[in-house]
Amino acid sequence: MGSSPGGREATAVDAALAGLTAVLTGLTAHATGSDPTSGVADAVRIDRIAVLEQIKAAAAAAQHAEMLAFARSQADAHLVHVDADRLDPAAVGRGISDQIALACRISPFHGSRRLGTARALDTDLPCTARLLAAGRISEHLAEVVVSETRHLDTEQRRLVDKHIVDGGLAELTPRAAAASARKRAYESDPAAYVARGRTARADRRVGLRPAPDTMSVLTGFLPVEQGVACLAALRAHTDTVIGTGDARSRGQIMADTLVERLTGQAAAADVDVEVGIVIPVDALLDPEHRGTADVIGHGPVPAGIAHDLLTATTGKRWWRRLFTAPDDGPLIGCDPRRRRFDGTLAHLITVRDHGRCRDAFCDAPIAHLDHIRPHRAGGPTSYTNGRGVCARGNYVREMPGWKVEVLHDGLGHQPHTVRTTTPTGHTYISTPGPAP
């Protein structure tokens, strides 16, 4: 008895996935079993590295094709099951890219970017797309071309695409490729290029992310003249201070000056510090203690560093007792006593979730405290039923087919665990990470 077209298609897909899995297994075995003393010539290893780089690029192109097919199918499904007059295209787009992000184990923001890149290459930049599929350029270089031409319409974009590929895009570095695409984009539509620059100024912002060794990276996305002016001012002040015989390095002086000018403090070290202590209180009295503490807004630091922070600053200092389950169990409660604190439960959930969105693979700062079981469905406003999420994560879960539920309440030895089920039936587990 013959199979249906749908059955044949499913069989072909299963066979393709089996083949890809076998290739992946072989590559993994090769990577873990590679022996530098196996007698393989270094020239051969370089050839292998080059081929694997081509495979990465071709795999990216294949992944783009799957993303586009999935996005089209999902959009069609929404049009069938939802009244088109009430359909929010932005919400549908979020749900699609969020599922892609989960499958790729990346944040929703980067999932959206990947889908946007795939769409641009497919519709507007076919020459660049062919180079990527052939493994002649990297995925990063293709993303550079997409970014530098994003303000152009389809016709203009295709002209720029042809010019830069004919001009040797495959031989360029990402920096040179960006310059070439930017030049051609400006020549194609100078007015739009200028308008883009003016619009970008509205996106100015400041961000903070953790760095290794209890450091952090403060960034400012600024109009070019403001960024240049800030750096020039810091350099000029540093030259003056060095002239007085200050023993600090130039980098140290510039960093300290930045903190002092932003906070209005007399000295950079005199910052207000709150340390969430999830180790014995006596750890703060012992700089050699091997435990860790949480600095609110940053994350875990060694107890010795926490001790230094609290003893060195002349700013305001707080510590808060955070209670754990017996035998080094997860965080289950906290001491509400702290001046200027206006929500013990909210603060506790934020600390438990390390200030980051609890959706799997998303590392965005918490914007909303979400009821895991919705409040309208009788979900309590409680520690176990709450989670910190970014705004996008909170909105996407309201899309049809999404489900979020608590697997472990976090009050025993299991960490607080949440399971998200997507419209395709895939499930993803999220925990807040190990408690300090």
Protein backbone atom coordinates (compact mmCIF):
# COMPACT_ATOMS: atom_id res chain seq x y z
CA MET A 1 0.00 0.00 0.00
CA GLY A 2 1.49 3.34 -1.02
CA SER A 3 2.09 6.14 1.48
CA SER A 4 0.43 9.53 1.25
CA PRO A 5 2.39 12.58 0.09
CA GLY A 6 2.42 13.80 3.68
CA GLY A 7 3.72 10.42 4.81
CA ARG A 8 6.47 10.44 2.17
CA GLU A 9 7.45 13.94 3.23
CA ALA A 10 7.61 12.94 6.89
CA THR A 11 9.71 9.89 6.01
CA ALA A 12 12.11 12.04 4.00
CA VAL A 13 12.42 14.52 6.87
CA ASP A 14 13.05 11.70 9.35
CA ALA A 15 15.73 10.26 7.08
CA ALA A 16 17.37 13.67 6.68
CA LEU A 17 17.36 14.22 10.44
CA ALA A 18 18.84 10.77 10.99
CA GLY A 19 21.59 11.56 8.50
CA LEU A 20 22.33 14.91 10.13
CA THR A 21 22.39 13.28 13.56
CA ALA A 22 24.91 10.73 12.30
CA VAL A 23 27.11 13.50 10.89
CA LEU A 24 26.89 15.43 14.16
CA THR A 25 27.76 12.29 16.15
CA GLY A 26 30.79 11.73 13.92
CA LEU A 27 31.95 15.33 14.29
CA THR A 28 31.51 15.17 18.07
CA ALA A 29 33.46 11.92 18.28
CA HIS A 30 36.20 13.42 16.13
CA ALA A 31 36.37 16.56 18.27
CA THR A 32 36.55 14.68 21.58
CA GLY A 33 38.92 12.01 20.26
CA SER A 34 41.33 14.21 18.30
CA ASP A 35 44.88 13.31 19.27
CA PRO A 36 47.76 15.69 18.43
CA THR A 37 50.12 12.71 18.38
CA SER A 38 48.05 10.69 15.87
CA GLY A 39 50.44 11.41 13.01
CA VAL A 40 48.07 13.63 11.01
CA ALA A 41 50.01 16.39 9.27
CA ASP A 42 49.34 19.95 10.38
CA ALA A 43 48.54 20.89 6.77
CA VAL A 44 45.75 18.31 6.84
CA ARG A 45 44.41 19.72 10.09
CA ILE A 46 44.31 23.20 8.55
CA ASP A 47 42.36 21.78 5.60
CA ARG A 48 39.92 20.16 8.03
CA ILE A 49 39.50 23.44 9.91
CA ALA A 50 38.74 25.24 6.65
CA VAL A 51 36.19 22.60 5.61
CA LEU A 52 34.49 22.68 9.02
CA GLU A 53 34.23 26.47 8.72
CA GLN A 54 32.51 26.03 5.37
CA ILE A 55 30.17 23.48 6.92
CA LYS A 56 29.26 25.98 9.66
CA ALA A 57 28.34 28.59 7.04
CA ALA A 58 26.33 26.14 4.93
CA ALA A 59 24.57 24.87 8.07
CA ALA A 60 23.64 28.46 8.94
CA ALA A 61 22.09 28.88 5.48
CA ALA A 62 20.17 25.62 5.89
CA GLN A 63 18.99 26.74 9.31
CA HIS A 64 17.79 30.03 7.80
CA ALA A 65 15.70 28.07 5.28
CA GLU A 66 14.10 26.03 8.06
CA MET A 67 13.37 29.18 10.06
CA LEU A 68 11.62 30.78 7.11
CA ALA A 69 9.54 27.68 6.39
CA PHE A 70 8.57 27.45 10.07
CA ALA A 71 7.67 31.15 10.23
CA ARG A 72 5.45 30.91 7.16
CA SER A 73 3.70 27.82 8.48
CA GLN A 74 3.11 29.40 11.89
CA ALA A 75 1.77 32.61 10.35
CA ASP A 76 -0.63 30.61 8.16
CA ALA A 77 -1.77 28.61 11.20
CA HIS A 78 -2.55 31.80 13.11
CA LEU A 79 -4.55 33.15 10.18
CA VAL A 80 -6.61 29.95 10.15
CA HIS A 81 -7.28 29.73 13.89
CA VAL A 82 -7.52 33.39 14.82
CA ASP A 83 -9.83 36.06 13.50
CA ALA A 84 -7.61 38.01 11.09
CA ASP A 85 -9.23 41.27 12.17
CA ARG A 86 -8.01 40.71 15.72
CA LEU A 87 -4.60 39.35 14.80
CA ASP A 88 -1.66 41.34 16.10
CA PRO A 89 1.18 40.78 13.59
CA ALA A 90 3.80 41.89 16.12
CA ALA A 91 2.55 39.39 18.69
CA VAL A 92 2.51 36.59 16.13
CA GLY A 93 6.07 37.48 15.14
CA ARG A 94 7.19 37.37 18.75
CA GLY A 95 5.73 33.92 19.25
CA ILE A 96 7.46 32.59 16.14
CA SER A 97 10.90 33.96 16.91
CA ASP A 98 10.61 32.93 20.56
CA GLN A 99 10.11 29.31 19.53
CA ILE A 100 13.12 29.58 17.23
CA ALA A 101 15.17 31.08 20.06
CA LEU A 102 14.31 28.20 22.38
CA ALA A 103 15.26 25.64 19.73
CA CYS A 104 18.59 27.43 19.19
CA ARG A 105 19.17 27.86 22.93
CA ILE A 106 19.54 31.63 22.57
CA SER A 107 17.65 34.63 23.89
CA PRO A 108 14.41 35.83 22.23
CA PHE A 109 16.21 39.00 21.13
CA HIS A 110 18.82 37.01 19.23
CA GLY A 111 16.12 34.67 17.92
CA SER A 112 14.37 37.67 16.36
CA ARG A 113 17.62 38.87 14.85
CA ARG A 114 18.32 35.48 13.29
CA LEU A 115 14.87 35.28 11.77
CA GLY A 116 15.20 38.85 10.48
CA THR A 117 18.57 37.99 8.95
CA ALA A 118 17.10 34.91 7.28
CA ARG A 119 14.24 36.94 5.79
CA ALA A 120 16.55 39.68 4.52
CA LEU A 121 18.93 37.22 2.87
CA ASP A 122 16.05 35.32 1.29
CA THR A 123 14.16 38.27 -0.17
CA ASP A 124 16.64 41.12 -0.55
CA LEU A 125 20.22 39.78 -0.60
CA PRO A 126 20.26 36.67 -2.79
CA CYS A 127 23.90 37.03 -3.86
CA THR A 128 25.12 37.19 -0.28
CA ALA A 129 22.83 34.29 0.58
CA ARG A 130 24.40 32.14 -2.15
CA LEU A 131 27.89 32.85 -0.81
CA LEU A 132 26.77 31.79 2.66
CA ALA A 133 25.15 28.59 1.41
CA ALA A 134 28.34 27.74 -0.50
CA GLY A 135 30.39 28.25 2.66
CA ARG A 136 32.39 31.11 1.14
CA ILE A 137 31.48 33.68 3.80
CA SER A 138 30.69 33.33 7.48
CA GLU A 139 27.29 33.83 9.07
CA HIS A 140 28.72 36.85 10.90
CA LEU A 141 29.79 38.51 7.65
CA ALA A 142 26.32 37.91 6.16
CA GLU A 143 24.78 39.51 9.26
CA VAL A 144 27.04 42.55 8.74
CA VAL A 145 25.70 43.02 5.20
CA VAL A 146 22.12 42.69 6.46
CA SER A 147 22.73 45.28 9.17
CA GLU A 148 24.40 47.85 6.94
CA THR A 149 21.61 47.73 4.35
CA ARG A 150 18.56 47.42 6.58
CA HIS A 151 17.24 50.93 5.80
CA LEU A 152 17.01 50.28 2.02
CA ASP A 153 14.00 48.98 0.13
CA THR A 154 14.16 45.62 -1.63
CA GLU A 155 15.23 46.95 -5.04
CA GLN A 156 18.00 49.14 -3.62
CA ARG A 157 19.17 46.34 -1.37
CA ARG A 158 19.48 43.93 -4.27
CA LEU A 159 21.59 46.43 -6.21
CA VAL A 160 23.94 46.91 -3.25
CA ASP A 161 24.04 43.15 -2.78
CA LYS A 162 25.16 42.57 -6.38
CA HIS A 163 27.75 45.35 -6.27
CA ILE A 164 29.48 44.18 -3.10
CA VAL A 165 29.45 40.50 -4.09
CA ASP A 166 30.84 41.30 -7.56
CA GLY A 167 33.40 43.48 -5.78
CA GLY A 168 34.85 40.53 -3.87
CA LEU A 169 32.77 40.26 -0.69
CA ALA A 170 34.04 36.72 -0.09
CA GLU A 171 37.60 38.00 0.30
CA LEU A 172 36.81 40.81 2.76
CA THR A 173 37.07 40.94 6.53
CA PRO A 174 33.85 41.77 8.41
CA ARG A 175 35.13 45.31 9.00
CA ALA A 176 35.95 45.83 5.32
CA ALA A 177 32.65 44.22 4.29
CA ALA A 178 30.78 46.62 6.57
CA ALA A 179 32.60 49.58 5.04
CA SER A 180 31.87 48.38 1.50
CA ALA A 181 28.18 47.77 2.20
CA ARG A 182 27.88 51.09 4.04
CA LYS A 183 29.44 53.00 1.14
CA ARG A 184 27.18 51.37 -1.44
CA ALA A 185 24.13 51.85 0.78
CA TYR A 186 24.87 55.55 1.15
CA GLU A 187 25.35 55.95 -2.60
CA SER A 188 22.09 54.10 -3.24
CA ASP A 189 19.98 56.38 -1.02
CA PRO A 190 21.81 59.24 0.74
CA ALA A 191 18.62 60.71 2.22
CA ALA A 192 17.60 57.42 3.84
CA TYR A 193 21.11 56.94 5.20
CA VAL A 194 21.03 60.35 6.88
CA ALA A 195 17.52 59.70 8.21
CA ARG A 196 18.72 56.40 9.66
CA GLY A 197 21.49 58.21 11.50
CA ARG A 198 19.00 60.67 12.95
CA THR A 199 16.61 57.90 13.99
CA ALA A 200 19.41 55.92 15.67
CA ARG A 201 20.00 58.81 18.07
CA ALA A 202 16.64 58.08 19.64
CA ASP A 203 17.97 54.63 20.61
CA ARG A 204 20.74 55.97 22.85
CA ARG A 205 21.00 53.98 26.04
CA VAL A 206 23.25 52.70 28.81
CA GLY A 207 23.70 49.06 29.82
CA LEU A 208 25.52 46.99 32.39
CA ARG A 209 26.62 43.37 32.23
CA PRO A 210 28.76 41.20 34.50
CA ALA A 211 32.38 40.50 33.59
CA PRO A 212 34.84 37.91 34.93
CA ASP A 213 36.67 38.36 38.23
CA THR A 214 33.90 40.35 39.98
CA MET A 215 34.08 43.13 37.38
CA SER A 216 31.32 44.65 35.23
CA VAL A 217 31.08 46.33 31.83
CA LEU A 218 29.19 49.65 31.67
CA THR A 219 28.38 50.65 28.10
CA GLY A 220 26.87 53.74 26.55
CA PHE A 221 25.26 53.67 23.09
CA LEU A 222 25.65 57.34 22.24
CA PRO A 223 25.63 59.70 19.26
CA VAL A 224 29.15 59.79 17.88
CA GLU A 225 29.97 63.36 18.92
CA GLN A 226 28.80 62.70 22.49
CA GLY A 227 30.85 59.52 22.75
CA VAL A 228 33.94 61.31 21.44
CA ALA A 229 33.36 64.21 23.84
CA CYS A 230 33.02 61.88 26.85
CA LEU A 231 36.24 60.05 26.06
CA ALA A 232 38.10 63.29 25.36
CA ALA A 233 36.98 64.75 28.71
CA LEU A 234 38.13 61.66 30.59
CA ARG A 235 41.48 61.69 28.81
CA ALA A 236 42.04 65.40 29.48
CA HIS A 237 41.25 64.99 33.18
CA THR A 238 43.52 61.93 33.35
CA ASP A 239 46.42 63.91 31.84
CA THR A 240 45.96 66.56 34.54
CA VAL A 241 45.83 64.02 37.37
CA ILE A 242 48.90 62.16 36.12
CA GLY A 243 50.72 65.48 36.07
CA THR A 244 50.18 65.75 39.84
CA GLY A 245 52.02 62.48 40.41
CA ASP A 246 49.03 60.18 40.91
CA ALA A 247 50.28 56.56 41.09
CA ARG A 248 47.22 55.01 39.39
CA SER A 249 47.37 53.87 35.78
CA ARG A 250 45.62 55.86 33.05
CA GLY A 251 42.90 53.25 32.82
CA GLN A 252 42.31 53.30 36.57
CA ILE A 253 42.08 57.09 36.68
CA MET A 254 39.64 57.20 33.75
CA ALA A 255 37.45 54.49 35.29
CA ASP A 256 37.43 56.16 38.71
CA THR A 257 36.66 59.55 37.18
CA LEU A 258 33.73 58.09 35.24
CA VAL A 259 32.20 56.70 38.44
CA GLU A 260 32.80 59.90 40.40
CA ARG A 261 31.24 62.14 37.75
CA LEU A 262 28.21 59.92 37.22
CA THR A 263 27.46 59.40 40.92
CA GLY A 264 28.64 62.74 42.31
CA GLN A 265 30.84 60.96 44.85
CA ALA A 266 34.13 62.31 46.05
CA ALA A 267 35.76 58.90 45.51
CA ALA A 268 34.79 56.08 43.14
CA ALA A 269 34.88 53.45 45.90
CA ASP A 270 32.25 55.22 48.04
CA VAL A 271 29.23 53.57 46.43
CA ASP A 272 26.08 52.35 48.15
CA VAL A 273 26.25 48.56 48.40
CA GLU A 274 23.62 45.95 49.19
CA VAL A 275 24.82 42.39 49.69
CA GLY A 276 22.31 39.55 49.84
CA ILE A 277 23.95 37.12 52.24
CA VAL A 278 23.19 33.47 51.61
CA ILE A 279 26.17 32.30 53.59
CA PRO A 280 26.75 32.42 57.34
CA VAL A 281 26.88 36.00 58.58
CA ASP A 282 30.34 35.39 60.04
CA ALA A 283 31.63 35.09 56.47
CA LEU A 284 31.57 38.89 56.29
CA LEU A 285 33.94 38.97 59.24
CA ASP A 286 36.35 36.53 57.63
CA PRO A 287 37.98 37.72 54.36
CA GLU A 288 39.28 34.18 53.79
CA HIS A 289 35.84 32.56 53.94
CA ARG A 290 35.30 30.31 50.91
CA GLY A 291 31.58 30.98 50.46
CA THR A 292 29.89 33.42 48.11
CA ALA A 293 27.44 36.31 48.38
CA ASP A 294 25.15 38.08 45.93
CA VAL A 295 25.65 41.74 45.09
CA ILE A 296 22.23 43.02 44.04
CA GLY A 297 22.30 43.99 40.36
CA HIS A 298 25.45 42.01 39.59
CA GLY A 299 25.40 38.44 40.89
CA PRO A 300 27.59 36.13 43.00
CA VAL A 301 30.96 37.26 44.28
CA PRO A 302 33.44 35.54 46.65
CA ALA A 303 32.85 36.22 50.33
CA GLY A 304 36.22 37.94 50.53
CA ILE A 305 35.20 40.43 47.85
CA ALA A 306 31.87 41.05 49.61
CA HIS A 307 33.83 41.73 52.79
CA ASP A 308 36.04 44.21 50.94
CA LEU A 309 33.02 45.99 49.44
CA LEU A 310 31.33 46.50 52.79
CA THR A 311 34.46 47.56 54.64
CA ALA A 312 35.96 49.83 51.96
CA THR A 313 33.01 51.99 50.97
CA THR A 314 31.91 55.06 52.88
CA GLY A 315 28.54 54.92 51.10
CA LYS A 316 25.38 53.35 52.48
CA ARG A 317 25.70 49.65 53.23
CA TRP A 318 23.02 47.01 53.75
CA TRP A 319 23.01 43.29 54.29
CA ARG A 320 19.94 41.15 54.28
CA ARG A 321 19.49 37.67 55.68
CA LEU A 322 18.27 35.26 53.03
CA PHE A 323 17.00 31.97 54.41
CA THR A 324 17.60 28.64 52.69
CA ALA A 325 16.18 25.18 53.19
CA PRO A 326 18.15 22.91 55.55
CA ASP A 327 21.40 21.31 54.38
CA ASP A 328 22.31 24.00 51.86
CA GLY A 329 18.90 23.90 50.18
CA PRO A 330 17.52 26.56 47.81
CA LEU A 331 16.44 30.05 48.81
CA ILE A 332 13.00 30.05 50.51
CA GLY A 333 12.66 33.32 52.44
CA CYS A 334 14.25 36.56 53.52
CA ASP A 335 14.37 39.13 56.27
CA PRO A 336 12.15 42.06 55.17
CA ARG A 337 13.91 44.56 57.39
CA ARG A 338 15.69 47.14 55.35
CA ARG A 339 15.05 50.86 55.16
CA ARG A 340 13.75 52.06 51.76
CA PHE A 341 12.49 48.58 50.89
CA ASP A 342 8.88 48.41 49.70
CA GLY A 343 8.18 44.83 48.65
CA THR A 344 9.72 41.85 50.39
CA LEU A 345 8.11 39.26 48.13
CA ALA A 346 9.08 41.07 44.92
CA HIS A 347 12.60 41.52 46.18
CA LEU A 348 12.91 37.88 47.19
CA ILE A 349 11.79 36.62 43.76
CA THR A 350 14.19 39.03 42.05
CA VAL A 351 17.09 37.83 44.19
CA ARG A 352 16.16 34.17 43.72
CA ASP A 353 16.08 34.67 39.93
CA HIS A 354 19.35 36.63 39.99
CA GLY A 355 17.67 39.67 38.43
CA ARG A 356 17.35 37.89 35.07
CA CYS A 357 14.43 36.62 33.01
CA ARG A 358 13.45 33.08 33.91
CA ASP A 359 12.58 32.04 30.35
CA ALA A 360 15.01 29.39 29.15
CA PHE A 361 18.15 30.86 27.52
CA CYS A 362 16.95 34.45 28.01
CA ASP A 363 19.32 36.64 29.98
CA ALA A 364 17.41 39.94 29.79
CA PRO A 365 16.91 41.93 33.01
CA ILE A 366 13.67 41.32 34.88
CA ALA A 367 10.96 43.77 33.82
CA HIS A 368 7.83 42.02 35.16
CA LEU A 369 7.02 39.67 38.01
CA ASP A 370 4.75 37.10 36.39
CA HIS A 371 2.14 34.77 37.87
CA ILE A 372 3.16 31.34 36.57
CA ARG A 373 -0.36 30.11 37.02
CA PRO A 374 -2.26 33.20 35.81
CA HIS A 375 -4.01 35.30 38.41
CA ARG A 376 -7.22 35.16 36.37
CA ALA A 377 -7.08 31.36 36.69
CA GLY A 378 -6.77 31.52 40.46
CA GLY A 379 -2.99 31.58 40.64
CA PRO A 380 -1.80 32.97 43.97
CA THR A 381 0.52 35.93 44.36
CA SER A 382 3.18 33.87 46.09
CA TYR A 383 6.87 33.14 46.08
CA THR A 384 6.41 29.74 44.43
CA ASN A 385 3.94 31.00 41.80
CA GLY A 386 6.06 34.00 40.86
CA ARG A 387 8.92 34.36 38.42
CA GLY A 388 10.88 37.26 37.03
CA VAL A 389 10.60 37.74 33.26
CA CYS A 390 11.42 40.30 30.62
CA ALA A 391 8.48 42.17 29.08
CA ARG A 392 8.64 40.06 25.94
CA GLY A 393 8.51 36.80 27.91
CA ASN A 394 5.44 37.99 29.79
CA TYR A 395 3.59 38.90 26.60
CA VAL A 396 4.55 35.83 24.57
CA ARG A 397 3.15 33.39 27.12
CA GLU A 398 -0.29 34.90 26.42
CA MET A 399 -0.13 33.72 22.81
CA PRO A 400 -2.29 30.71 21.88
CA GLY A 401 -0.62 27.36 22.49
CA TRP A 402 1.89 28.50 25.14
CA LYS A 403 1.81 26.98 28.62
CA VAL A 404 3.94 27.73 31.71
CA GLU A 405 3.82 25.63 34.87
CA VAL A 406 5.72 24.99 38.10
CA LEU A 407 7.46 21.62 38.33
CA HIS A 408 9.21 22.19 41.69
CA ASP A 409 8.24 24.93 44.16
CA GLY A 410 11.81 25.42 45.36
CA LEU A 411 10.93 24.92 49.02
CA GLY A 412 12.72 21.58 49.34
CA HIS A 413 16.06 20.45 47.96
CA GLN A 414 15.00 20.91 44.34
CA PRO A 415 15.47 24.42 42.91
CA HIS A 416 12.44 26.40 41.79
CA THR A 417 11.72 24.83 38.40
CA VAL A 418 9.44 26.05 35.62
CA ARG A 419 8.45 24.20 32.44
CA THR A 420 7.44 26.08 29.29
CA THR A 421 5.55 24.27 26.53
CA THR A 422 5.44 25.90 23.10
CA PRO A 423 2.68 25.60 20.49
CA THR A 424 4.60 22.80 18.74
CA GLY A 425 4.65 20.74 21.95
CA HIS A 426 8.34 21.25 22.72
CA THR A 427 9.18 21.72 26.39
CA TYR A 428 11.96 23.73 28.00
CA ILE A 429 13.02 23.68 31.65
CA SER A 430 14.15 26.77 33.55
CA THR A 431 15.73 27.06 36.99
CA PRO A 432 17.17 30.22 38.53
CA GLY A 433 20.62 28.69 38.67
CA PRO A 434 22.51 27.58 41.76
CA ALA A 435 21.94 29.63 44.87
CA PRO A 436 25.18 31.08 46.29
